[in-house]
Amino acid sequence: METANRCRKSSSIKSAFYHFRADLARRQQTSSPLDRFYPSALCETSEPKTDEDEQRNVQLSSSMNTAVVLLEVEMKVLKSQECTAEQSTAITKEEVDTLRLKIEELEAERSKLEEENRALEMKLEKLTLQVGDVEQLGSLPCPVGHRCPTR
């Protein structure tokens, strides 16, 4: 479940990152090459530009650059988490295979013990029948000429 949440988060961040990059590229294509280096040129107003406008544009440009850098770092982190999730999936598969082998071994041992139990039950039944036969013989009268053991 945690992996699924990471994947959802990863895909939403990826899409936001790609939309941001596409928007940034579109803005850069529609503006002149100098606009990339001079953000104040992006602001087209009929009023003369003030130092505040230039500072605001510089701050906007630096915050956009910071956002791009942060998104790139987050993308790298998410990609590394995807690798970790794949590795943990591989480890989980190995653990499942090991547990399946143990289960098969235990089932084989169980069936062997059940067979031994059946054999022992048959022997017990046979001995019980023999004891019953001996008891029945003891209740019979002694043949003539033989001395019966006293009870």
C-alpha atoms as a PDB file:
ATOM      1  CA  MET A   1       0.000   0.000   0.000  1.00  0.00           C
ATOM      2  CA  GLU A   2       2.859   2.323   0.801  1.00  0.00           C
ATOM      3  CA  THR A   3       4.385   1.605  -2.615  1.00  0.00           C
ATOM      4  CA  ALA A   4       1.067   2.396  -4.310  1.00  0.00           C
ATOM      5  CA  ASN A   5       0.911   5.739  -2.485  1.00  0.00           C
ATOM      6  CA  ARG A   6       4.468   6.497  -3.538  1.00  0.00           C
ATOM      7  CA  CYS A   7       3.632   5.641  -7.137  1.00  0.00           C
ATOM      8  CA  ARG A   8       0.553   7.912  -7.080  1.00  0.00           C
ATOM      9  CA  LYS A   9       2.570  10.699  -5.489  1.00  0.00           C
ATOM     10  CA  SER A  10       5.386  10.105  -7.934  1.00  0.00           C
ATOM     11  CA  SER A  11       3.102  10.261 -10.967  1.00  0.00           C
ATOM     12  CA  SER A  12       1.359  13.437  -9.765  1.00  0.00           C
ATOM     13  CA  ILE A  13       4.693  15.125  -9.069  1.00  0.00           C
ATOM     14  CA  LYS A  14       6.042  13.933 -12.408  1.00  0.00           C
ATOM     15  CA  SER A  15       3.049  15.323 -14.277  1.00  0.00           C
ATOM     16  CA  ALA A  16       3.282  18.629 -12.382  1.00  0.00           C
ATOM     17  CA  PHE A  17       6.991  18.777 -13.144  1.00  0.00           C
ATOM     18  CA  TYR A  18       6.480  18.087 -16.859  1.00  0.00           C
ATOM     19  CA  HIS A  19       3.642  20.645 -17.082  1.00  0.00           C
ATOM     20  CA  PHE A  20       5.832  23.204 -15.335  1.00  0.00           C
ATOM     21  CA  ARG A  21       8.736  22.470 -17.678  1.00  0.00           C
ATOM     22  CA  ALA A  22       6.462  22.640 -20.737  1.00  0.00           C
ATOM     23  CA  ASP A  23       5.002  25.963 -19.571  1.00  0.00           C
ATOM     24  CA  LEU A  24       8.470  27.330 -18.910  1.00  0.00           C
ATOM     25  CA  ALA A  25       9.669  26.168 -22.341  1.00  0.00           C
ATOM     26  CA  ARG A  26       6.593  27.720 -24.006  1.00  0.00           C
ATOM     27  CA  ARG A  27       7.294  31.031 -22.288  1.00  0.00           C
ATOM     28  CA  GLN A  28      10.912  30.895 -23.334  1.00  0.00           C
ATOM     29  CA  GLN A  29       9.971  30.176 -26.968  1.00  0.00           C
ATOM     30  CA  THR A  30       7.499  33.056 -27.163  1.00  0.00           C
ATOM     31  CA  SER A  31       9.960  35.526 -25.688  1.00  0.00           C
ATOM     32  CA  SER A  32      13.231  36.731 -27.075  1.00  0.00           C
ATOM     33  CA  PRO A  33      16.480  35.052 -25.996  1.00  0.00           C
ATOM     34  CA  LEU A  34      17.347  38.101 -23.919  1.00  0.00           C
ATOM     35  CA  ASP A  35      14.197  37.624 -21.818  1.00  0.00           C
ATOM     36  CA  ARG A  36      15.784  34.568 -20.228  1.00  0.00           C
ATOM     37  CA  PHE A  37      18.584  36.673 -18.866  1.00  0.00           C
ATOM     38  CA  TYR A  38      16.603  39.850 -18.264  1.00  0.00           C
ATOM     39  CA  PRO A  39      13.259  38.916 -16.691  1.00  0.00           C
ATOM     40  CA  SER A  40      12.185  42.556 -16.603  1.00  0.00           C
ATOM     41  CA  ALA A  41      11.723  42.369 -20.375  1.00  0.00           C
ATOM     42  CA  LEU A  42       8.865  39.892 -19.784  1.00  0.00           C
ATOM     43  CA  CYS A  43       6.762  42.551 -18.146  1.00  0.00           C
ATOM     44  CA  GLU A  44       5.343  44.655 -21.000  1.00  0.00           C
ATOM     45  CA  THR A  45       3.501  47.667 -19.671  1.00  0.00           C
ATOM     46  CA  SER A  46       3.048  51.131 -21.019  1.00  0.00           C
ATOM     47  CA  GLU A  47       4.391  52.540 -17.774  1.00  0.00           C
ATOM     48  CA  PRO A  48       8.101  52.940 -17.345  1.00  0.00           C
ATOM     49  CA  LYS A  49       9.644  50.115 -15.359  1.00  0.00           C
ATOM     50  CA  THR A  50      10.687  50.844 -11.827  1.00  0.00           C
ATOM     51  CA  ASP A  51      13.279  49.246  -9.632  1.00  0.00           C
ATOM     52  CA  GLU A  52      10.453  47.519  -7.742  1.00  0.00           C
ATOM     53  CA  ASP A  53       9.218  45.904 -10.963  1.00  0.00           C
ATOM     54  CA  GLU A  54      12.699  44.746 -11.794  1.00  0.00           C
ATOM     55  CA  GLN A  55      13.213  43.348  -8.304  1.00  0.00           C
ATOM     56  CA  ARG A  56       9.841  41.606  -8.454  1.00  0.00           C
ATOM     57  CA  ASN A  57      10.725  40.088 -11.824  1.00  0.00           C
ATOM     58  CA  VAL A  58      14.130  38.983 -10.564  1.00  0.00           C
ATOM     59  CA  GLN A  59      12.504  37.417  -7.503  1.00  0.00           C
ATOM     60  CA  LEU A  60       9.937  35.708  -9.713  1.00  0.00           C
ATOM     61  CA  SER A  61      12.659  34.404 -11.980  1.00  0.00           C
ATOM     62  CA  SER A  62      14.779  33.157  -9.080  1.00  0.00           C
ATOM     63  CA  SER A  63      11.775  31.525  -7.411  1.00  0.00           C
ATOM     64  CA  MET A  64      10.917  29.783 -10.693  1.00  0.00           C
ATOM     65  CA  ASN A  65      14.502  28.575 -11.005  1.00  0.00           C
ATOM     66  CA  THR A  66      14.415  27.394  -7.398  1.00  0.00           C
ATOM     67  CA  ALA A  67      11.145  25.563  -8.077  1.00  0.00           C
ATOM     68  CA  VAL A  68      12.716  23.842 -11.085  1.00  0.00           C
ATOM     69  CA  VAL A  69      15.723  22.786  -9.029  1.00  0.00           C
ATOM     70  CA  LEU A  70      13.512  21.520  -6.202  1.00  0.00           C
ATOM     71  CA  LEU A  71      11.353  19.561  -8.632  1.00  0.00           C
ATOM     72  CA  GLU A  72      14.436  18.026 -10.227  1.00  0.00           C
ATOM     73  CA  VAL A  73      15.755  16.986  -6.813  1.00  0.00           C
ATOM     74  CA  GLU A  74      12.374  15.549  -5.852  1.00  0.00           C
ATOM     75  CA  MET A  75      12.254  13.635  -9.154  1.00  0.00           C
ATOM     76  CA  LYS A  76      15.656  12.111  -8.383  1.00  0.00           C
ATOM     77  CA  VAL A  77      14.482  11.122  -4.908  1.00  0.00           C
ATOM     78  CA  LEU A  78      11.301   9.562  -6.288  1.00  0.00           C
ATOM     79  CA  LYS A  79      13.268   7.641  -8.902  1.00  0.00           C
ATOM     80  CA  SER A  80      15.547   6.274  -6.189  1.00  0.00           C
ATOM     81  CA  GLN A  81      12.472   5.299  -4.151  1.00  0.00           C
ATOM     82  CA  GLU A  82      11.102   3.457  -7.185  1.00  0.00           C
ATOM     83  CA  CYS A  83      14.345   1.477  -7.368  1.00  0.00           C
ATOM     84  CA  THR A  84      14.089   0.732  -3.663  1.00  0.00           C
ATOM     85  CA  ALA A  85      10.487  -0.427  -4.118  1.00  0.00           C
ATOM     86  CA  GLU A  86      11.551  -2.712  -6.981  1.00  0.00           C
ATOM     87  CA  GLN A  87      14.352  -4.137  -4.832  1.00  0.00           C
ATOM     88  CA  SER A  88      11.993  -4.737  -1.918  1.00  0.00           C
ATOM     89  CA  THR A  89       9.584  -6.449  -4.319  1.00  0.00           C
ATOM     90  CA  ALA A  90      12.414  -8.731  -5.448  1.00  0.00           C
ATOM     91  CA  ILE A  91      13.297  -9.470  -1.820  1.00  0.00           C
ATOM     92  CA  THR A  92       9.650 -10.162  -1.060  1.00  0.00           C
ATOM     93  CA  LYS A  93       9.470 -12.601  -3.997  1.00  0.00           C
ATOM     94  CA  GLU A  94      12.537 -14.421  -2.659  1.00  0.00           C
ATOM     95  CA  GLU A  95      10.972 -14.619   0.803  1.00  0.00           C
ATOM     96  CA  VAL A  96       7.727 -15.963  -0.662  1.00  0.00           C
ATOM     97  CA  ASP A  97       9.632 -18.636  -2.592  1.00  0.00           C
ATOM     98  CA  THR A  98      11.537 -19.632   0.550  1.00  0.00           C
ATOM     99  CA  LEU A  99       8.324 -19.848   2.566  1.00  0.00           C
ATOM    100  CA  ARG A 100       6.678 -21.957  -0.141  1.00  0.00           C
ATOM    101  CA  LEU A 101       9.579 -24.403  -0.022  1.00  0.00           C
ATOM    102  CA  LYS A 102       9.291 -24.627   3.767  1.00  0.00           C
ATOM    103  CA  ILE A 103       5.551 -25.250   3.474  1.00  0.00           C
ATOM    104  CA  GLU A 104       6.144 -28.038   0.956  1.00  0.00           C
ATOM    105  CA  GLU A 105       8.751 -29.613   3.243  1.00  0.00           C
ATOM    106  CA  LEU A 106       6.411 -29.435   6.241  1.00  0.00           C
ATOM    107  CA  GLU A 107       3.535 -30.928   4.247  1.00  0.00           C
ATOM    108  CA  ALA A 108       5.774 -33.809   3.134  1.00  0.00           C
ATOM    109  CA  GLU A 109       6.838 -34.403   6.757  1.00  0.00           C
ATOM    110  CA  ARG A 110       3.199 -34.247   7.869  1.00  0.00           C
ATOM    111  CA  SER A 111       2.101 -36.855   5.329  1.00  0.00           C
ATOM    112  CA  LYS A 112       5.008 -39.086   6.403  1.00  0.00           C
ATOM    113  CA  LEU A 113       3.954 -38.766  10.058  1.00  0.00           C
ATOM    114  CA  GLU A 114       0.342 -39.517   9.137  1.00  0.00           C
ATOM    115  CA  GLU A 115       1.463 -42.731   7.410  1.00  0.00           C
ATOM    116  CA  GLU A 116       3.491 -43.724  10.477  1.00  0.00           C
ATOM    117  CA  ASN A 117       0.475 -42.947  12.678  1.00  0.00           C
ATOM    118  CA  ARG A 118      -1.772 -45.159  10.528  1.00  0.00           C
ATOM    119  CA  ALA A 119       0.748 -48.011  10.717  1.00  0.00           C
ATOM    120  CA  LEU A 120       0.976 -47.662  14.511  1.00  0.00           C
ATOM    121  CA  GLU A 121      -2.819 -47.588  14.828  1.00  0.00           C
ATOM    122  CA  MET A 122      -3.033 -50.789  12.789  1.00  0.00           C
ATOM    123  CA  LYS A 123      -0.447 -52.443  15.054  1.00  0.00           C
ATOM    124  CA  LEU A 124      -2.352 -51.274  18.133  1.00  0.00           C
ATOM    125  CA  GLU A 125      -5.590 -52.650  16.756  1.00  0.00           C
ATOM    126  CA  LYS A 126      -3.890 -55.952  15.954  1.00  0.00           C
ATOM    127  CA  LEU A 127      -2.437 -56.184  19.477  1.00  0.00           C
ATOM    128  CA  THR A 128      -5.801 -55.274  21.002  1.00  0.00           C
ATOM    129  CA  LEU A 129      -7.427 -58.092  19.039  1.00  0.00           C
ATOM    130  CA  GLN A 130      -4.711 -60.510  20.177  1.00  0.00           C
ATOM    131  CA  VAL A 131      -5.218 -59.514  23.819  1.00  0.00           C
ATOM    132  CA  GLY A 132      -8.954 -59.998  23.370  1.00  0.00           C
ATOM    133  CA  ASP A 133      -8.355 -63.452  21.906  1.00  0.00           C
ATOM    134  CA  VAL A 134      -6.120 -64.409  24.848  1.00  0.00           C
ATOM    135  CA  GLU A 135      -8.765 -63.235  27.314  1.00  0.00           C
ATOM    136  CA  GLN A 136     -11.369 -65.297  25.509  1.00  0.00           C
ATOM    137  CA  LEU A 137      -9.123 -68.347  25.691  1.00  0.00           C
ATOM    138  CA  GLY A 138      -8.741 -67.850  29.423  1.00  0.00           C
ATOM    139  CA  SER A 139     -12.474 -68.014  29.940  1.00  0.00           C
ATOM    140  CA  LEU A 140     -12.730 -71.365  28.164  1.00  0.00           C
ATOM    141  CA  PRO A 141     -12.701 -74.514  30.309  1.00  0.00           C
ATOM    142  CA  CYS A 142      -9.403 -76.346  30.465  1.00  0.00           C
ATOM    143  CA  PRO A 143      -9.139 -79.456  28.356  1.00  0.00           C
ATOM    144  CA  VAL A 144      -9.153 -82.750  30.204  1.00  0.00           C
ATOM    145  CA  GLY A 145      -5.741 -83.745  31.458  1.00  0.00           C
ATOM    146  CA  HIS A 146      -4.395 -80.186  31.498  1.00  0.00           C
ATOM    147  CA  ARG A 147      -4.050 -78.195  34.541  1.00  0.00           C
ATOM    148  CA  CYS A 148      -5.574 -74.710  34.279  1.00  0.00           C
ATOM    149  CA  PRO A 149      -3.686 -71.907  35.863  1.00  0.00           C
ATOM    150  CA  THR A 150      -5.411 -70.604  38.893  1.00  0.00           C
ATOM    151  CA  ARG A 151      -6.751 -67.234  38.775  1.00  0.00           C
END
